[in-house]
N, C-alpha and C. Protein backbone atom coordinates (compact mmCIF):
# COMPACT_ATOMS: atom_id res chain seq x y z
N MET A 1 -5.73 4.73 49.75
CA MET A 1 -6.28 3.41 50.05
C MET A 1 -5.49 2.36 49.28
N GLU A 2 -5.22 1.23 49.93
CA GLU A 2 -4.47 0.15 49.28
C GLU A 2 -5.23 -1.15 49.52
N ASN A 3 -5.22 -2.04 48.51
CA ASN A 3 -5.91 -3.32 48.66
C ASN A 3 -4.90 -4.44 48.87
N LYS A 4 -5.38 -5.67 48.90
CA LYS A 4 -4.50 -6.82 49.16
C LYS A 4 -3.51 -7.09 48.04
N TYR A 5 -3.70 -6.50 46.86
CA TYR A 5 -2.79 -6.71 45.73
C TYR A 5 -1.66 -5.68 45.69
N GLY A 6 -1.69 -4.73 46.61
CA GLY A 6 -0.64 -3.73 46.66
C GLY A 6 -0.86 -2.55 45.75
N ILE A 7 -2.06 -2.41 45.20
CA ILE A 7 -2.36 -1.30 44.30
C ILE A 7 -2.96 -0.18 45.13
N GLU A 8 -2.43 1.02 44.97
CA GLU A 8 -2.96 2.18 45.68
C GLU A 8 -4.06 2.84 44.85
N TYR A 9 -5.06 3.37 45.54
CA TYR A 9 -6.17 4.03 44.88
C TYR A 9 -6.33 5.44 45.43
N THR A 10 -6.84 6.32 44.59
CA THR A 10 -7.16 7.68 45.00
C THR A 10 -8.63 7.90 44.72
N LYS A 11 -9.33 8.50 45.71
CA LYS A 11 -10.76 8.76 45.52
C LYS A 11 -10.93 10.03 44.72
N GLN A 12 -11.67 9.90 43.62
CA GLN A 12 -11.97 11.04 42.76
C GLN A 12 -13.49 11.09 42.60
N GLY A 13 -14.10 11.98 43.31
CA GLY A 13 -15.57 12.05 43.31
C GLY A 13 -16.11 10.85 44.06
N ASP A 14 -16.96 10.07 43.42
CA ASP A 14 -17.53 8.88 44.03
C ASP A 14 -16.76 7.61 43.69
N TYR A 15 -15.65 7.73 42.94
CA TYR A 15 -14.95 6.55 42.44
C TYR A 15 -13.52 6.50 42.97
N TYR A 16 -13.01 5.28 43.10
CA TYR A 16 -11.61 5.07 43.44
C TYR A 16 -10.85 4.72 42.17
N MET A 17 -9.86 5.51 41.83
CA MET A 17 -9.06 5.31 40.63
C MET A 17 -7.69 4.76 41.02
N PRO A 18 -7.20 3.71 40.30
CA PRO A 18 -5.87 3.17 40.63
C PRO A 18 -4.77 4.15 40.25
N ASN A 19 -3.75 4.18 41.09
CA ASN A 19 -2.57 5.01 40.83
C ASN A 19 -1.59 4.18 40.02
N LEU A 20 -1.75 4.18 38.71
CA LEU A 20 -0.90 3.39 37.84
C LEU A 20 0.21 4.25 37.27
N VAL A 21 1.43 3.78 37.39
CA VAL A 21 2.59 4.50 36.87
C VAL A 21 3.47 3.48 36.15
N LEU A 22 3.81 3.79 34.89
CA LEU A 22 4.71 2.93 34.14
C LEU A 22 6.14 3.26 34.53
N GLU A 23 6.92 2.23 34.78
CA GLU A 23 8.33 2.44 35.10
C GLU A 23 9.07 2.76 33.81
N LYS A 24 9.92 3.77 33.85
CA LYS A 24 10.67 4.16 32.67
C LYS A 24 12.11 3.70 32.81
N GLU A 25 12.51 2.87 31.88
CA GLU A 25 13.88 2.39 31.82
C GLU A 25 14.58 3.15 30.71
N LYS A 26 15.70 3.74 31.02
CA LYS A 26 16.45 4.51 30.02
C LYS A 26 17.39 3.57 29.27
N ILE A 27 17.25 3.55 27.95
CA ILE A 27 18.19 2.81 27.11
C ILE A 27 18.60 3.73 25.97
N VAL A 28 19.77 3.47 25.45
CA VAL A 28 20.25 4.23 24.30
C VAL A 28 20.01 3.38 23.06
N LEU A 29 19.21 3.91 22.16
CA LEU A 29 18.90 3.17 20.94
C LEU A 29 19.89 3.53 19.85
N ASN A 30 20.40 2.49 19.20
CA ASN A 30 21.25 2.73 18.04
C ASN A 30 20.35 2.77 16.79
N LYS A 31 20.97 2.76 15.65
CA LYS A 31 20.24 2.86 14.38
C LYS A 31 19.17 1.78 14.25
N TYR A 32 19.50 0.55 14.61
CA TYR A 32 18.57 -0.56 14.43
C TYR A 32 17.42 -0.51 15.42
N GLY A 33 17.70 -0.09 16.64
CA GLY A 33 16.64 0.07 17.64
C GLY A 33 15.65 1.14 17.24
N ARG A 34 16.17 2.27 16.72
CA ARG A 34 15.28 3.35 16.28
C ARG A 34 14.46 2.93 15.06
N MET A 35 15.07 2.18 14.15
CA MET A 35 14.34 1.72 12.96
C MET A 35 13.22 0.77 13.36
N ARG A 36 13.50 -0.13 14.29
CA ARG A 36 12.49 -1.08 14.76
C ARG A 36 11.35 -0.35 15.47
N LEU A 37 11.70 0.63 16.29
CA LEU A 37 10.68 1.41 17.00
C LEU A 37 9.77 2.13 16.01
N ARG A 38 10.36 2.78 15.03
CA ARG A 38 9.56 3.48 14.02
C ARG A 38 8.67 2.51 13.25
N PHE A 39 9.23 1.33 12.89
CA PHE A 39 8.44 0.33 12.17
C PHE A 39 7.24 -0.13 13.00
N LEU A 40 7.48 -0.40 14.29
CA LEU A 40 6.38 -0.84 15.15
C LEU A 40 5.30 0.24 15.26
N LYS A 41 5.71 1.48 15.46
CA LYS A 41 4.75 2.57 15.59
C LYS A 41 3.92 2.76 14.32
N GLU A 42 4.57 2.67 13.17
CA GLU A 42 3.89 2.96 11.91
C GLU A 42 3.15 1.77 11.31
N ASN A 43 3.63 0.55 11.55
CA ASN A 43 3.07 -0.61 10.86
C ASN A 43 2.44 -1.66 11.76
N LYS A 44 2.83 -1.70 13.02
CA LYS A 44 2.29 -2.70 13.94
C LYS A 44 1.90 -2.00 15.23
N ASN A 45 0.97 -1.08 15.10
CA ASN A 45 0.60 -0.23 16.22
C ASN A 45 0.06 -1.02 17.40
N ALA A 46 -0.74 -2.04 17.15
CA ALA A 46 -1.29 -2.84 18.25
C ALA A 46 -0.17 -3.54 19.02
N GLU A 47 0.75 -4.14 18.29
CA GLU A 47 1.89 -4.82 18.92
C GLU A 47 2.73 -3.82 19.72
N TYR A 48 2.93 -2.64 19.15
CA TYR A 48 3.68 -1.58 19.84
C TYR A 48 2.99 -1.20 21.14
N MET A 49 1.67 -0.98 21.09
CA MET A 49 0.93 -0.56 22.29
C MET A 49 0.93 -1.64 23.36
N ILE A 50 0.83 -2.90 22.96
CA ILE A 50 0.86 -3.99 23.93
C ILE A 50 2.20 -4.02 24.64
N MET A 51 3.30 -3.95 23.87
CA MET A 51 4.63 -3.96 24.48
C MET A 51 4.85 -2.74 25.35
N PHE A 52 4.35 -1.59 24.89
CA PHE A 52 4.52 -0.36 25.66
C PHE A 52 3.80 -0.44 27.00
N THR A 53 2.55 -0.90 27.00
CA THR A 53 1.78 -0.95 28.24
C THR A 53 2.27 -2.05 29.18
N LYS A 54 2.78 -3.14 28.64
CA LYS A 54 3.33 -4.20 29.49
C LYS A 54 4.73 -3.88 30.00
N GLY A 55 5.35 -2.86 29.41
CA GLY A 55 6.70 -2.48 29.83
C GLY A 55 7.79 -3.34 29.22
N THR A 56 7.49 -4.01 28.10
CA THR A 56 8.48 -4.87 27.47
C THR A 56 9.09 -4.26 26.21
N LEU A 57 8.68 -3.05 25.86
CA LEU A 57 9.15 -2.42 24.62
C LEU A 57 10.66 -2.16 24.65
N ASN A 58 11.16 -1.60 25.73
CA ASN A 58 12.60 -1.32 25.82
C ASN A 58 13.43 -2.59 25.75
N LYS A 59 12.97 -3.63 26.42
CA LYS A 59 13.69 -4.91 26.38
C LYS A 59 13.72 -5.45 24.95
N HIS A 60 12.59 -5.37 24.27
CA HIS A 60 12.49 -5.83 22.88
C HIS A 60 13.45 -5.06 21.98
N LEU A 61 13.45 -3.74 22.09
CA LEU A 61 14.31 -2.91 21.25
C LEU A 61 15.78 -3.18 21.53
N LYS A 62 16.11 -3.37 22.80
CA LYS A 62 17.50 -3.66 23.18
C LYS A 62 17.94 -5.01 22.59
N GLU A 63 17.08 -6.01 22.66
CA GLU A 63 17.39 -7.33 22.09
C GLU A 63 17.56 -7.24 20.58
N ILE A 64 16.69 -6.50 19.92
CA ILE A 64 16.77 -6.35 18.46
C ILE A 64 18.09 -5.71 18.06
N GLN A 65 18.47 -4.63 18.74
CA GLN A 65 19.69 -3.95 18.32
C GLN A 65 20.94 -4.77 18.63
N GLU A 66 20.95 -5.51 19.74
CA GLU A 66 22.10 -6.37 20.04
C GLU A 66 22.20 -7.51 19.04
N THR A 67 21.07 -8.12 18.72
CA THR A 67 21.05 -9.21 17.75
C THR A 67 21.48 -8.72 16.38
N ALA A 68 21.01 -7.55 15.99
CA ALA A 68 21.36 -6.98 14.68
C ALA A 68 22.86 -6.75 14.57
N GLU A 69 23.46 -6.18 15.61
CA GLU A 69 24.90 -5.91 15.57
C GLU A 69 25.70 -7.21 15.46
N LYS A 70 25.30 -8.22 16.23
CA LYS A 70 26.01 -9.52 16.18
C LYS A 70 25.85 -10.17 14.81
N ARG A 71 24.63 -10.16 14.27
CA ARG A 71 24.38 -10.78 12.97
C ARG A 71 25.15 -10.07 11.85
N ILE A 72 25.25 -8.75 11.91
CA ILE A 72 26.00 -8.02 10.89
C ILE A 72 27.46 -8.44 10.92
N ASP A 73 28.04 -8.54 12.11
CA ASP A 73 29.44 -8.97 12.22
C ASP A 73 29.63 -10.37 11.65
N ILE A 74 28.71 -11.27 11.96
CA ILE A 74 28.81 -12.65 11.48
C ILE A 74 28.69 -12.70 9.95
N ILE A 75 27.71 -11.98 9.41
CA ILE A 75 27.50 -11.98 7.96
C ILE A 75 28.70 -11.39 7.23
N ILE A 76 29.27 -10.31 7.75
CA ILE A 76 30.44 -9.70 7.13
C ILE A 76 31.61 -10.68 7.13
N GLU A 77 31.83 -11.37 8.23
CA GLU A 77 32.92 -12.36 8.30
C GLU A 77 32.69 -13.49 7.30
N GLN A 78 31.45 -13.95 7.18
CA GLN A 78 31.15 -15.01 6.21
C GLN A 78 31.41 -14.53 4.78
N LEU A 79 31.01 -13.31 4.47
CA LEU A 79 31.23 -12.77 3.13
C LEU A 79 32.71 -12.58 2.85
N LYS A 80 33.47 -12.17 3.85
CA LYS A 80 34.92 -12.02 3.67
C LYS A 80 35.55 -13.37 3.35
N GLN A 81 35.12 -14.42 4.04
CA GLN A 81 35.68 -15.75 3.79
C GLN A 81 35.27 -16.27 2.42
N GLN A 82 34.02 -16.06 2.04
CA GLN A 82 33.54 -16.53 0.74
C GLN A 82 34.26 -15.85 -0.42
N ASN A 83 34.65 -14.60 -0.22
CA ASN A 83 35.29 -13.84 -1.29
C ASN A 83 36.81 -13.73 -1.12
N ASN A 84 37.35 -14.50 -0.19
CA ASN A 84 38.80 -14.53 0.06
C ASN A 84 39.38 -13.13 0.30
N LEU A 85 38.69 -12.32 1.05
CA LEU A 85 39.16 -10.99 1.40
C LEU A 85 39.92 -11.09 2.71
N THR A 86 41.20 -10.78 2.68
CA THR A 86 42.04 -10.92 3.87
C THR A 86 42.49 -9.55 4.37
N GLU A 87 43.00 -9.54 5.59
CA GLU A 87 43.52 -8.31 6.17
C GLU A 87 44.78 -7.85 5.43
N GLU A 88 45.51 -8.80 4.84
CA GLU A 88 46.70 -8.46 4.06
C GLU A 88 46.33 -7.58 2.86
N MET A 89 45.14 -7.83 2.29
CA MET A 89 44.69 -7.03 1.15
C MET A 89 44.47 -5.57 1.53
N LYS A 90 44.20 -5.33 2.80
CA LYS A 90 44.00 -3.96 3.25
C LYS A 90 45.26 -3.13 3.01
N ASN A 91 46.42 -3.75 3.14
CA ASN A 91 47.69 -3.04 2.94
C ASN A 91 48.12 -3.02 1.47
N THR A 92 47.78 -4.06 0.72
CA THR A 92 48.26 -4.14 -0.66
C THR A 92 47.32 -3.46 -1.66
N ASP A 93 46.01 -3.62 -1.49
CA ASP A 93 45.04 -3.03 -2.42
C ASP A 93 43.93 -2.40 -1.60
N GLN A 94 44.22 -1.24 -1.04
CA GLN A 94 43.33 -0.61 -0.08
C GLN A 94 41.98 -0.22 -0.67
N LEU A 95 41.96 0.34 -1.87
CA LEU A 95 40.69 0.75 -2.48
C LEU A 95 39.76 -0.44 -2.72
N TYR A 96 40.33 -1.54 -3.19
CA TYR A 96 39.54 -2.75 -3.41
C TYR A 96 38.98 -3.27 -2.08
N TRP A 97 39.84 -3.29 -1.07
CA TRP A 97 39.43 -3.80 0.25
C TRP A 97 38.29 -2.96 0.82
N VAL A 98 38.43 -1.64 0.76
CA VAL A 98 37.40 -0.75 1.30
C VAL A 98 36.09 -0.90 0.53
N SER A 99 36.17 -0.97 -0.78
CA SER A 99 34.94 -1.10 -1.57
C SER A 99 34.24 -2.43 -1.27
N MET A 100 35.01 -3.49 -1.13
CA MET A 100 34.42 -4.80 -0.81
C MET A 100 33.80 -4.79 0.60
N MET A 101 34.47 -4.17 1.56
CA MET A 101 33.93 -4.11 2.92
C MET A 101 32.64 -3.28 2.96
N ASN A 102 32.60 -2.19 2.22
CA ASN A 102 31.37 -1.40 2.14
C ASN A 102 30.25 -2.21 1.52
N ASN A 103 30.58 -2.97 0.49
CA ASN A 103 29.60 -3.84 -0.15
C ASN A 103 29.08 -4.89 0.83
N PHE A 104 30.00 -5.50 1.58
CA PHE A 104 29.60 -6.53 2.56
C PHE A 104 28.71 -5.93 3.65
N LYS A 105 29.06 -4.74 4.12
CA LYS A 105 28.26 -4.09 5.16
C LYS A 105 26.86 -3.77 4.65
N ASN A 106 26.77 -3.26 3.44
CA ASN A 106 25.45 -2.96 2.87
C ASN A 106 24.61 -4.22 2.69
N THR A 107 25.25 -5.29 2.24
CA THR A 107 24.56 -6.57 2.07
C THR A 107 24.07 -7.09 3.41
N ALA A 108 24.94 -7.04 4.42
CA ALA A 108 24.57 -7.51 5.76
C ALA A 108 23.42 -6.69 6.33
N GLU A 109 23.46 -5.38 6.15
CA GLU A 109 22.38 -4.53 6.67
C GLU A 109 21.06 -4.82 5.97
N GLU A 110 21.10 -5.08 4.69
CA GLU A 110 19.88 -5.41 3.96
C GLU A 110 19.27 -6.71 4.49
N ILE A 111 20.12 -7.68 4.78
CA ILE A 111 19.65 -8.95 5.34
C ILE A 111 19.02 -8.72 6.71
N ILE A 112 19.69 -7.93 7.55
CA ILE A 112 19.20 -7.65 8.90
C ILE A 112 17.85 -6.92 8.85
N LEU A 113 17.74 -5.97 7.95
CA LEU A 113 16.47 -5.24 7.84
C LEU A 113 15.32 -6.17 7.51
N ASN A 114 15.57 -7.12 6.63
CA ASN A 114 14.52 -8.07 6.25
C ASN A 114 14.27 -9.15 7.28
N GLU A 115 15.30 -9.54 8.04
CA GLU A 115 15.17 -10.60 9.03
C GLU A 115 14.66 -10.12 10.38
N LEU A 116 15.11 -8.95 10.83
CA LEU A 116 14.82 -8.50 12.19
C LEU A 116 13.97 -7.24 12.29
N ILE A 117 14.29 -6.25 11.53
CA ILE A 117 13.69 -4.93 11.72
C ILE A 117 12.29 -4.86 11.15
N TYR A 118 12.12 -5.23 9.90
CA TYR A 118 10.84 -5.07 9.23
C TYR A 118 10.04 -6.37 9.18
N VAL A 119 9.87 -6.97 10.33
CA VAL A 119 9.13 -8.23 10.43
C VAL A 119 7.95 -8.03 11.36
């Protein structure tokens, strides 16, 4: 049975039950998407359930991970400029360059976690 809203129903006993099916969109979650998903499940369960039932959870996770990746790149570039770290240093003082880049990446990730993931 179908009504004017396009919802199909199945008769079960004396009642008509709607045939509700959530559409599943496949996305590949990176580190930040998985961290956000875990945070929502563990700390903001109501918000997680609302997004899940409305079908907006995958879109939200995809936006978070794309934004996180862009922000990390921007923050690393800003830190490189502030500390005068150049690509030339990669060839002249490789250990210093690698240690500074690791430091910048860790700093950027800490900022992202506080700004996007754990909010």
